Amino acid sequence: MSTLDIMARFAAVVDAQSGREDIGSAASQARVYRQLAKQQLEALEGDRFSGRGQQQQSAETYWQTEGSTWDLVERLYGLRAQAQTQDGEGGEDIEVTATATDFGAVQALLGRDSQLAECVEVRRWLEEAAPAFQAVETRKGYLFYTRRSTAARGADTVTEADPDATSRQRRGLAPEDAEYAAGLVRTLYEYVRRGRAGSAIALCVESDDAWRAATLKGSLFWRDPALERGEANNVHAGGNINRALWKHACAALAADDANDAYERALYAALSGRLDEVALVCDGWDDHLWAHVNALVEARIDRAVADAAPLYVPAQTAALAPVPSRHAPPRDLAHILDALASHDAPPLRHAAAQPFRRLQAAVIIDGFPAYLAAYALQIGPDADLLRVVVHIALHLRGLGFALPPDAVAAVLDAYIDLLIRENRDLVAVYVACLPPGRQTEAYAQFLRTVEDPAPARMQLLALAAAHGLDVDQVAKRAAQL
């Protein structure tokens, strides 16, 4: 699709929603915009062999970013719109009972803590938006080469084949096993980074690394459907009743600098530590995920500790705390401020990118302030302007309060762009202006049209089709 096609398709969505009061219909707009971005990306990916090189790659990156932005808008403002509806209806007061399981406590917490629910959704968004990676292949036979020949082992190779042998004997594995183990733990980390803990566990089982699969399954919250509210068909009691103890062990493993960097990052992510995960992060998305993950895990840990479950887990108070350079983040705004002022120039530069700033505003529910600032300094980026305009119209349709002057300013800028690029769409957006401004805006537009009368009549017909007062528009245009 060309730029004009994209403009036309976005305008069609706005036009379809115009005058409708159905909030459910308005909520689907972001999903439609995301789908349009996805279609544009797929068209580019299908044309990768056209020989356009860097230009092609830049275009793909852009549409990935725009699609991800619409996904974020749909997720977070869907939650916020739902929270507004529940507040208006007087939602149920959810309490954690003395017989609650860890799973039930977490579900109750997410039901009453909208900020934590948004943090969890941001983490899920970052996980699902992460790029594809090359996973290590499965390999049968635990430490196959290390166990293969006792005679072939050197002084630096372990003499026993159990999970603790390397740390206990301070020796390494056979080179082939060491190489595979490094690839395995990196793949496991990448799975966890993408929210695919189940895939990580399955890979361990398929590779005869059952002990490591057991360590990963420790992350599952203890649950018993018999003690939880609601129906839980085909769900069996299970999970880790001693999850706090397990997380302490994960943190200790992560803090041991004798371990592989990705093994440390894996268990740091599972335990909610930031130190070791940050060491393997590449870009803004990875760092944001590491911080949000630490925030979510800390909040959930506190909730589970305070829930007074039926079964009391093993206590960790007697265990020495695992030192950490980073305290758990306070909130999303604190995280994003930290990334924007990070010591690493590439990370600061990434945080300052236009779409990252827009995404940050959506994450902290700061789009009204972002819109007000953007309206004062609208830059030459036509795609960013298109996205900001349609987010503003989308949120207005959902009932969120936005500064009306700022909405009008970005609409004016977009209308000016359409006058130059695709004037058949002007009426769609003039109809989105405050009623008192619509006649003047469209009359001013007609004054710039120097085409023969039939073309001007067609533009008036478009105005009528979008609810503008054509008589007043024609009269005002004649006066100018």
Protein backbone atom coordinates (compact mmCIF):
# COMPACT_ATOMS: atom_id res chain seq x y z
CA MET A 1 0.00 0.00 0.00
CA SER A 2 1.17 3.51 -0.81
CA THR A 3 1.03 6.45 1.58
CA LEU A 4 -2.22 7.57 -0.06
CA ASP A 5 -3.70 4.09 0.39
CA ILE A 6 -2.80 4.12 4.07
CA MET A 7 -4.42 7.54 4.52
CA ALA A 8 -7.56 6.35 2.76
CA ARG A 9 -7.84 3.18 4.82
CA PHE A 10 -7.38 5.03 8.10
CA ALA A 11 -9.98 7.57 6.98
CA ALA A 12 -12.40 4.74 6.21
CA VAL A 13 -12.10 3.53 9.81
CA VAL A 14 -12.76 7.03 11.16
CA ASP A 15 -15.69 7.44 8.79
CA ALA A 16 -17.18 4.10 9.83
CA GLN A 17 -17.05 5.13 13.50
CA SER A 18 -18.37 8.66 12.94
CA GLY A 19 -21.58 9.34 14.80
CA ARG A 20 -21.67 5.94 16.52
CA GLU A 21 -21.98 5.77 20.30
CA ASP A 22 -21.08 2.10 20.62
CA ILE A 23 -17.99 1.94 22.85
CA GLY A 24 -17.32 -1.63 21.76
CA SER A 25 -17.11 -0.48 18.16
CA ALA A 26 -14.76 2.35 19.13
CA ALA A 27 -12.57 -0.08 21.04
CA SER A 28 -12.02 -2.13 17.89
CA GLN A 29 -10.48 0.82 16.04
CA ALA A 30 -6.99 0.28 17.43
CA ARG A 31 -7.17 -3.37 16.39
CA VAL A 32 -8.09 -2.36 12.84
CA TYR A 33 -5.23 0.14 12.69
CA ARG A 34 -2.84 -2.54 13.96
CA GLN A 35 -4.07 -4.90 11.28
CA LEU A 36 -3.48 -2.27 8.60
CA ALA A 37 0.09 -1.83 9.82
CA LYS A 38 0.54 -5.61 9.82
CA GLN A 39 -0.70 -5.83 6.23
CA GLN A 40 1.76 -3.15 5.18
CA LEU A 41 4.59 -5.01 6.91
CA GLU A 42 3.63 -8.32 5.30
CA ALA A 43 3.56 -6.67 1.87
CA LEU A 44 7.07 -5.37 2.43
CA GLU A 45 8.33 -8.72 3.69
CA GLY A 46 6.89 -10.39 0.61
CA ASP A 47 8.91 -8.01 -1.52
CA ARG A 48 12.27 -8.48 0.20
CA PHE A 49 14.00 -9.56 -2.99
CA SER A 50 13.18 -6.34 -4.81
CA GLY A 51 16.71 -5.12 -4.19
CA ARG A 52 15.82 -1.96 -2.25
CA GLY A 53 18.15 -2.89 0.63
CA GLN A 54 18.38 -0.36 3.44
CA GLN A 55 15.23 1.49 2.40
CA GLN A 56 13.29 -1.77 2.56
CA GLN A 57 14.68 -2.59 6.01
CA SER A 58 13.86 0.88 7.35
CA ALA A 59 10.29 0.61 6.06
CA GLU A 60 9.85 -2.81 7.71
CA THR A 61 11.19 -1.47 11.01
CA TYR A 62 8.80 1.47 10.83
CA TRP A 63 5.70 -0.66 10.27
CA GLN A 64 6.74 -3.07 13.00
CA THR A 65 6.99 -0.12 15.36
CA GLU A 66 3.66 1.38 14.33
CA GLY A 67 1.89 -1.96 14.60
CA SER A 68 3.42 -2.49 18.03
CA THR A 69 2.24 0.98 19.08
CA TRP A 70 -1.34 0.24 18.09
CA ASP A 71 -1.13 -3.07 19.93
CA LEU A 72 -0.04 -1.21 23.07
CA VAL A 73 -2.86 1.33 22.70
CA GLU A 74 -5.43 -1.45 22.30
CA ARG A 75 -4.16 -3.36 25.33
CA LEU A 76 -3.79 -0.53 27.82
CA TYR A 77 -6.73 1.65 26.89
CA GLY A 78 -8.90 -1.44 26.70
CA LEU A 79 -7.99 -2.11 30.35
CA ARG A 80 -8.54 1.53 31.27
CA ALA A 81 -11.90 1.71 29.56
CA GLN A 82 -12.94 -1.48 31.37
CA ALA A 83 -11.77 -0.01 34.70
CA GLN A 84 -13.82 3.13 34.06
CA THR A 85 -16.90 1.04 33.34
CA GLN A 86 -16.42 -1.03 36.50
CA ASP A 87 -15.91 2.10 38.61
CA GLY A 88 -19.11 3.55 37.21
CA GLU A 89 -21.04 0.37 37.97
CA GLY A 90 -19.51 -0.14 41.40
CA GLY A 91 -17.33 -3.19 40.81
CA GLU A 92 -17.21 -6.12 43.19
CA ASP A 93 -14.88 -5.70 46.15
CA ILE A 94 -12.52 -8.63 45.80
CA GLU A 95 -10.86 -9.85 48.97
CA VAL A 96 -8.28 -12.56 49.52
CA THR A 97 -9.57 -15.15 51.93
CA ALA A 98 -7.54 -17.09 54.47
CA THR A 99 -7.93 -20.23 52.34
CA ALA A 100 -6.70 -18.61 49.13
CA THR A 101 -3.96 -20.28 47.17
CA ASP A 102 -1.03 -18.34 45.73
CA PHE A 103 -2.69 -18.46 42.31
CA GLY A 104 -5.95 -17.19 43.76
CA ALA A 105 -4.15 -14.42 45.63
CA VAL A 106 -2.46 -13.23 42.43
CA GLN A 107 -5.72 -13.31 40.48
CA ALA A 108 -7.46 -11.32 43.22
CA LEU A 109 -4.62 -8.82 43.25
CA LEU A 110 -4.83 -8.27 39.50
CA GLY A 111 -8.58 -7.85 39.79
CA ARG A 112 -8.34 -5.00 42.28
CA ASP A 113 -5.01 -3.37 41.37
CA SER A 114 -5.44 -1.78 37.95
CA GLN A 115 -1.89 -0.37 37.96
CA LEU A 116 -0.38 -3.82 38.44
CA ALA A 117 -2.70 -5.22 35.77
CA GLU A 118 -1.33 -2.58 33.38
CA CYS A 119 2.25 -3.48 34.33
CA VAL A 120 1.53 -7.14 33.57
CA GLU A 121 0.00 -6.12 30.23
CA VAL A 122 3.06 -4.00 29.36
CA ARG A 123 5.29 -6.98 30.15
CA ARG A 124 3.13 -9.22 27.97
CA TRP A 125 3.23 -6.63 25.16
CA LEU A 126 7.04 -6.53 25.29
CA GLU A 127 7.21 -10.31 25.31
CA GLU A 128 4.95 -10.77 22.31
CA ALA A 129 6.64 -7.96 20.36
CA ALA A 130 10.15 -9.40 20.80
CA PRO A 131 11.80 -10.40 17.50
CA ALA A 132 12.20 -14.01 16.45
CA PHE A 133 15.39 -15.83 17.38
CA GLN A 134 17.17 -19.04 16.42
CA ALA A 135 16.54 -21.66 19.11
CA VAL A 136 19.09 -24.37 19.85
CA GLU A 137 18.24 -27.79 18.49
CA THR A 138 17.04 -30.54 20.81
CA ARG A 139 19.64 -33.16 21.68
CA LYS A 140 18.98 -36.45 23.39
CA GLY A 141 21.35 -37.77 26.00
CA TYR A 142 22.22 -35.77 29.10
CA LEU A 143 25.92 -34.74 29.01
CA PHE A 144 26.45 -37.34 26.31
CA TYR A 145 30.08 -36.49 25.52
CA THR A 146 31.08 -35.95 29.13
CA ARG A 147 29.80 -39.41 30.07
CA ARG A 148 30.95 -41.11 26.90
CA SER A 149 34.46 -42.11 27.84
CA THR A 150 36.03 -41.97 31.28
CA ALA A 151 39.48 -42.54 29.81
CA ALA A 152 39.19 -39.57 27.49
CA ARG A 153 38.48 -37.09 30.27
CA GLY A 154 41.18 -34.60 31.06
CA ALA A 155 42.03 -33.04 34.39
CA ASP A 156 39.71 -30.12 33.63
CA THR A 157 36.62 -32.27 33.00
CA VAL A 158 34.18 -33.38 35.68
CA THR A 159 34.28 -37.01 36.74
CA GLU A 160 30.61 -37.14 37.72
CA ALA A 161 27.58 -36.30 35.59
CA ASP A 162 25.09 -34.58 37.86
CA PRO A 163 23.82 -30.98 37.70
CA ASP A 164 26.06 -29.80 40.55
CA ALA A 165 29.24 -31.50 39.38
CA THR A 166 30.74 -28.43 37.72
CA SER A 167 30.28 -26.21 40.78
CA ARG A 168 31.23 -28.93 43.25
CA GLN A 169 34.39 -30.11 41.46
CA ARG A 170 35.21 -26.72 39.93
CA ARG A 171 35.72 -28.43 36.60
CA GLY A 172 34.08 -28.08 33.21
CA LEU A 173 32.13 -30.30 30.86
CA ALA A 174 33.38 -31.92 27.68
CA PRO A 175 33.75 -29.19 25.00
CA GLU A 176 30.79 -30.49 22.97
CA ASP A 177 28.54 -30.55 26.04
CA ALA A 178 29.74 -27.14 27.20
CA GLU A 179 28.93 -25.64 23.80
CA TYR A 180 25.47 -27.17 23.78
CA ALA A 181 24.78 -26.12 27.38
CA ALA A 182 25.65 -22.51 26.52
CA GLY A 183 23.30 -22.56 23.55
CA LEU A 184 20.59 -24.21 25.63
CA VAL A 185 20.58 -21.68 28.48
CA ARG A 186 20.59 -18.81 26.01
CA THR A 187 17.57 -20.32 24.25
CA LEU A 188 15.83 -20.81 27.59
CA TYR A 189 16.42 -17.18 28.46
CA GLU A 190 15.09 -16.03 25.09
CA TYR A 191 11.97 -18.11 25.63
CA VAL A 192 11.40 -16.58 29.07
CA ARG A 193 12.07 -13.12 27.62
CA ARG A 194 9.20 -13.82 25.20
CA GLY A 195 6.84 -15.11 27.87
CA ARG A 196 7.19 -18.68 26.65
CA ALA A 197 8.20 -20.51 29.82
CA GLY A 198 6.23 -23.54 28.62
CA SER A 199 8.42 -23.78 25.52
CA ALA A 200 11.52 -23.54 27.71
CA ILE A 201 10.33 -26.39 29.91
CA ALA A 202 9.43 -28.52 26.88
CA LEU A 203 12.89 -27.97 25.36
CA CYS A 204 14.55 -29.13 28.58
CA VAL A 205 12.43 -32.28 28.68
CA GLU A 206 13.07 -33.04 25.01
CA SER A 207 16.81 -32.57 25.54
CA ASP A 208 16.88 -34.91 28.57
CA ASP A 209 17.57 -31.97 30.89
CA ALA A 210 14.76 -32.90 33.25
CA TRP A 211 16.43 -31.36 36.29
CA ARG A 212 16.49 -27.95 34.62
CA ALA A 213 12.87 -28.34 33.54
CA ALA A 214 12.05 -28.87 37.21
CA THR A 215 13.86 -25.67 38.16
CA LEU A 216 11.82 -23.73 35.60
CA LYS A 217 8.52 -25.26 36.76
CA GLY A 218 9.22 -23.78 40.18
CA SER A 219 7.84 -20.52 38.81
CA LEU A 220 4.29 -21.91 38.74
CA PHE A 221 2.01 -20.56 41.44
CA TRP A 222 0.50 -23.10 43.80
CA ARG A 223 -3.19 -23.59 43.11
CA ASP A 224 -6.00 -25.90 44.13
CA PRO A 225 -9.30 -25.46 42.27
CA ALA A 226 -11.18 -26.79 45.29
CA LEU A 227 -10.10 -23.71 47.25
CA GLU A 228 -10.56 -21.11 44.52
CA ARG A 229 -13.60 -19.16 43.43
CA GLY A 230 -15.26 -19.92 40.13
CA GLU A 231 -15.14 -22.96 37.93
CA ALA A 232 -11.86 -24.66 37.12
CA ASN A 233 -12.74 -27.58 34.89
CA ASN A 234 -9.90 -29.97 34.04
CA VAL A 235 -7.50 -28.08 36.32
CA HIS A 236 -5.57 -30.09 38.87
CA ALA A 237 -3.95 -28.96 42.09
CA GLY A 238 -0.29 -28.16 41.59
CA GLY A 239 2.38 -25.52 41.39
CA ASN A 240 5.11 -24.54 43.81
CA ILE A 241 3.95 -24.06 47.37
CA ASN A 242 7.48 -22.95 48.33
CA ARG A 243 7.86 -20.40 45.54
CA ALA A 244 9.56 -17.83 47.78
CA LEU A 245 12.25 -20.36 48.70
CA TRP A 246 12.64 -21.30 45.04
CA LYS A 247 13.05 -17.63 44.05
CA HIS A 248 15.74 -17.22 46.71
CA ALA A 249 17.65 -20.16 45.19
CA CYS A 250 17.23 -18.66 41.70
CA ALA A 251 18.58 -15.33 42.92
CA ALA A 252 21.61 -17.01 44.48
CA LEU A 253 22.31 -18.88 41.24
CA ALA A 254 21.98 -15.66 39.25
CA ALA A 255 24.34 -13.78 41.55
CA ASP A 256 27.11 -16.37 41.15
CA ASP A 257 29.47 -14.89 38.56
CA ALA A 258 31.01 -18.33 37.96
CA ASN A 259 27.90 -19.27 35.98
CA ASP A 260 27.21 -18.57 32.32
CA ALA A 261 25.92 -15.05 31.62
CA TYR A 262 22.66 -16.27 30.08
CA GLU A 263 22.12 -18.84 32.81
CA ARG A 264 22.43 -16.03 35.32
CA ALA A 265 20.06 -13.87 33.29
CA LEU A 266 17.56 -16.74 33.03
CA TYR A 267 17.28 -17.27 36.76
CA ALA A 268 17.48 -13.55 37.46
CA ALA A 269 14.45 -13.03 35.23
CA LEU A 270 12.56 -15.82 36.97
CA SER A 271 13.35 -14.41 40.42
CA GLY A 272 12.66 -10.80 39.45
CA ARG A 273 16.25 -9.57 39.71
CA LEU A 274 17.42 -6.77 37.46
CA ASP A 275 21.21 -6.98 37.87
CA GLU A 276 22.00 -9.99 35.70
CA VAL A 277 19.21 -9.50 33.15
CA ALA A 278 20.48 -6.00 32.40
CA LEU A 279 23.87 -7.47 31.45
CA VAL A 280 22.41 -9.27 28.42
CA CYS A 281 19.91 -6.60 27.32
CA ASP A 282 20.48 -5.02 23.91
CA GLY A 283 17.94 -2.29 23.24
CA TRP A 284 15.21 -0.16 24.79
CA ASP A 285 12.64 -2.96 24.61
CA ASP A 286 14.89 -5.44 26.42
CA HIS A 287 15.79 -3.00 29.18
CA LEU A 288 12.17 -1.96 29.62
CA TRP A 289 11.13 -5.61 29.88
CA ALA A 290 13.81 -6.31 32.49
CA HIS A 291 12.66 -3.38 34.64
CA VAL A 292 8.93 -4.10 34.26
CA ASN A 293 9.52 -7.78 35.03
CA ALA A 294 11.35 -6.83 38.25
CA LEU A 295 8.51 -4.47 39.19
CA VAL A 296 5.80 -7.07 38.56
CA GLU A 297 7.60 -9.86 40.42
CA ALA A 298 8.25 -7.64 43.46
CA ARG A 299 4.61 -6.55 43.66
CA ILE A 300 3.35 -10.11 43.30
CA ASP A 301 5.79 -11.42 45.89
CA ARG A 302 4.51 -8.91 48.44
CA ALA A 303 0.90 -9.81 47.69
CA VAL A 304 1.50 -13.55 48.04
CA ALA A 305 3.40 -13.03 51.29
CA ASP A 306 0.47 -11.04 52.71
CA ALA A 307 -2.27 -13.38 51.50
CA ALA A 308 -2.22 -15.83 54.45
CA PRO A 309 -2.74 -18.99 52.36
CA LEU A 310 -4.14 -22.19 53.83
CA TYR A 311 -0.77 -23.94 53.65
CA VAL A 312 2.17 -22.06 55.08
CA PRO A 313 5.26 -22.31 52.83
CA ALA A 314 8.83 -22.77 54.04
CA GLN A 315 10.17 -19.59 55.56
CA THR A 316 13.14 -17.74 54.05
CA ALA A 317 13.75 -15.26 56.87
CA ALA A 318 16.73 -17.25 58.16
CA LEU A 319 18.43 -17.17 54.76
CA ALA A 320 20.88 -14.39 54.07
CA PRO A 321 19.48 -12.03 51.43
CA VAL A 322 21.13 -12.17 48.03
CA PRO A 323 22.82 -8.77 47.45
CA SER A 324 21.54 -6.66 44.55
CA ARG A 325 22.72 -3.35 43.13
CA HIS A 326 19.22 -2.47 41.98
CA ALA A 327 16.19 -1.96 44.18
CA PRO A 328 12.85 -2.97 42.63
CA PRO A 329 11.51 -0.12 40.46
CA ARG A 330 8.82 2.07 42.04
CA ASP A 331 6.51 2.38 39.05
CA LEU A 332 6.40 2.59 35.27
CA ALA A 333 7.08 6.32 35.19
CA HIS A 334 10.23 5.82 37.26
CA ILE A 335 11.38 3.07 34.90
CA LEU A 336 10.90 5.16 31.78
CA ASP A 337 12.64 8.16 33.34
CA ALA A 338 15.58 5.93 34.22
CA LEU A 339 15.86 4.67 30.64
CA ALA A 340 15.61 8.22 29.26
CA SER A 341 18.53 9.31 31.45
CA HIS A 342 20.54 6.09 31.22
CA ASP A 343 24.34 6.23 31.26
CA ALA A 344 24.52 4.41 27.92
CA PRO A 345 24.14 6.89 25.01
CA PRO A 346 22.51 4.33 22.65
CA LEU A 347 19.79 3.67 25.21
CA ARG A 348 19.19 7.38 25.82
CA HIS A 349 19.01 7.92 22.07
CA ALA A 350 16.51 5.07 21.66
CA ALA A 351 14.32 6.46 24.45
CA ALA A 352 14.25 9.82 22.66
CA GLN A 353 12.97 8.39 19.38
CA PRO A 354 9.53 9.80 18.48
CA PHE A 355 7.62 6.53 18.64
CA ARG A 356 9.36 5.49 21.87
CA ARG A 357 8.26 8.77 23.45
CA LEU A 358 4.73 8.14 22.21
CA GLN A 359 4.78 4.58 23.57
CA ALA A 360 6.11 5.85 26.91
CA ALA A 361 3.22 8.33 27.11
CA VAL A 362 0.71 5.56 26.44
CA ILE A 363 2.33 3.30 29.06
CA ILE A 364 2.12 5.86 31.88
CA ASP A 365 -1.35 7.09 30.82
CA GLY A 366 0.20 10.42 29.86
CA PHE A 367 -1.14 10.79 26.34
CA PRO A 368 -3.11 13.99 27.11
CA ALA A 369 0.07 15.76 28.23
CA TYR A 370 2.00 14.29 25.29
CA LEU A 371 -0.69 15.50 22.89
CA ALA A 372 -0.64 19.02 24.34
CA ALA A 373 3.15 19.22 23.94
CA TYR A 374 3.10 17.67 20.47
CA ALA A 375 0.42 20.11 19.27
CA LEU A 376 2.78 23.00 20.06
CA GLN A 377 5.65 21.52 18.02
CA ILE A 378 4.28 19.38 15.21
CA GLY A 379 7.24 18.17 13.21
CA PRO A 380 7.59 17.11 9.58
CA ASP A 381 7.02 13.39 10.26
CA ALA A 382 3.73 12.75 8.44
CA ASP A 383 3.43 9.16 9.71
CA LEU A 384 3.80 10.23 13.33
CA LEU A 385 1.18 12.95 12.78
CA ARG A 386 -1.21 10.38 11.28
CA VAL A 387 -0.75 8.04 14.24
CA VAL A 388 -1.14 10.78 16.87
CA VAL A 389 -4.32 12.11 15.20
CA HIS A 390 -5.91 8.68 15.08
CA ILE A 391 -4.93 7.80 18.66
CA ALA A 392 -6.55 11.07 19.75
CA LEU A 393 -9.75 10.32 17.83
CA HIS A 394 -9.75 6.74 19.10
CA LEU A 395 -9.41 7.76 22.75
CA ARG A 396 -11.99 10.48 22.36
CA GLY A 397 -14.38 7.85 21.00
CA LEU A 398 -13.72 5.72 24.08
CA GLY A 399 -14.67 8.63 26.32
CA PHE A 400 -11.21 9.62 27.59
CA ALA A 401 -10.68 13.31 28.32
CA LEU A 402 -8.21 15.04 25.99
CA PRO A 403 -7.30 18.74 25.70
CA PRO A 404 -9.73 19.96 23.00
CA ASP A 405 -7.40 22.67 21.69
CA ALA A 406 -4.62 20.12 21.18
CA VAL A 407 -6.97 17.72 19.39
CA ALA A 408 -8.09 20.53 17.10
CA ALA A 409 -4.48 21.60 16.45
CA VAL A 410 -3.33 18.15 15.33
CA LEU A 411 -6.48 17.76 13.24
CA ASP A 412 -5.75 21.09 11.55
CA ALA A 413 -2.22 19.94 10.78
CA TYR A 414 -3.44 16.64 9.36
CA ILE A 415 -6.11 18.39 7.28
CA ASP A 416 -3.40 20.64 5.81
CA LEU A 417 -1.46 17.51 4.91
CA LEU A 418 -4.50 15.96 3.26
CA ILE A 419 -5.17 19.12 1.26
CA ARG A 420 -1.74 18.58 -0.30
CA GLU A 421 -1.85 14.79 -0.55
CA ASN A 422 -5.44 13.51 -0.80
CA ARG A 423 -8.12 16.20 -0.66
CA ASP A 424 -11.00 13.73 -1.07
CA LEU A 425 -10.40 12.80 2.58
CA VAL A 426 -10.52 16.33 3.98
CA ALA A 427 -14.25 16.20 4.77
CA VAL A 428 -13.75 13.13 6.99
CA TYR A 429 -11.48 15.02 9.37
CA VAL A 430 -13.17 18.42 9.15
CA ALA A 431 -16.24 16.60 10.48
CA CYS A 432 -14.14 15.63 13.53
CA LEU A 433 -13.48 19.30 14.41
CA PRO A 434 -15.70 21.11 16.92
CA PRO A 435 -19.04 21.99 15.23
CA GLY A 436 -18.33 25.71 15.41
CA ARG A 437 -15.16 25.33 13.35
CA GLN A 438 -16.28 22.92 10.65
CA THR A 439 -17.91 25.42 8.27
CA GLU A 440 -14.98 27.83 8.36
CA ALA A 441 -12.38 25.08 7.95
CA TYR A 442 -14.05 23.52 4.91
CA ALA A 443 -14.78 26.90 3.33
CA GLN A 444 -11.12 27.85 3.71
CA PHE A 445 -10.20 24.57 2.03
CA LEU A 446 -12.57 25.18 -0.91
CA ARG A 447 -11.04 28.62 -1.38
CA THR A 448 -7.73 26.94 -2.27
CA VAL A 449 -9.34 24.69 -4.92
CA GLU A 450 -8.92 26.10 -8.40
CA ASP A 451 -10.39 23.14 -10.29
CA PRO A 452 -13.45 23.47 -12.58
CA ALA A 453 -16.93 23.60 -11.07
CA PRO A 454 -17.63 19.82 -11.28
CA ALA A 455 -14.63 19.08 -9.05
CA ARG A 456 -15.76 21.69 -6.52
CA MET A 457 -19.28 20.26 -6.56
CA GLN A 458 -17.83 16.82 -5.86
CA LEU A 459 -16.02 18.21 -2.81
CA LEU A 460 -19.28 19.75 -1.61
CA ALA A 461 -21.00 16.40 -2.08
CA LEU A 462 -18.31 14.79 0.10
CA ALA A 463 -18.93 17.46 2.73
CA ALA A 464 -22.64 16.68 2.72
CA ALA A 465 -21.94 12.96 2.99
CA HIS A 466 -19.97 13.60 6.20
CA GLY A 467 -22.60 15.74 7.85
CA LEU A 468 -21.30 19.23 7.12
CA ASP A 469 -23.75 22.09 6.49
CA VAL A 470 -23.18 22.46 2.76
CA ASP A 471 -25.29 25.61 2.41
CA GLN A 472 -23.31 27.40 5.09
CA VAL A 473 -20.02 26.10 3.68
CA ALA A 474 -20.86 27.34 0.15
CA LYS A 475 -22.03 30.69 1.47
CA ARG A 476 -18.90 31.18 3.55
CA ALA A 477 -16.62 30.07 0.69
CA ALA A 478 -18.24 32.68 -1.56
CA GLN A 479 -17.55 35.37 1.04
CA LEU A 480 -13.83 34.59 1.26
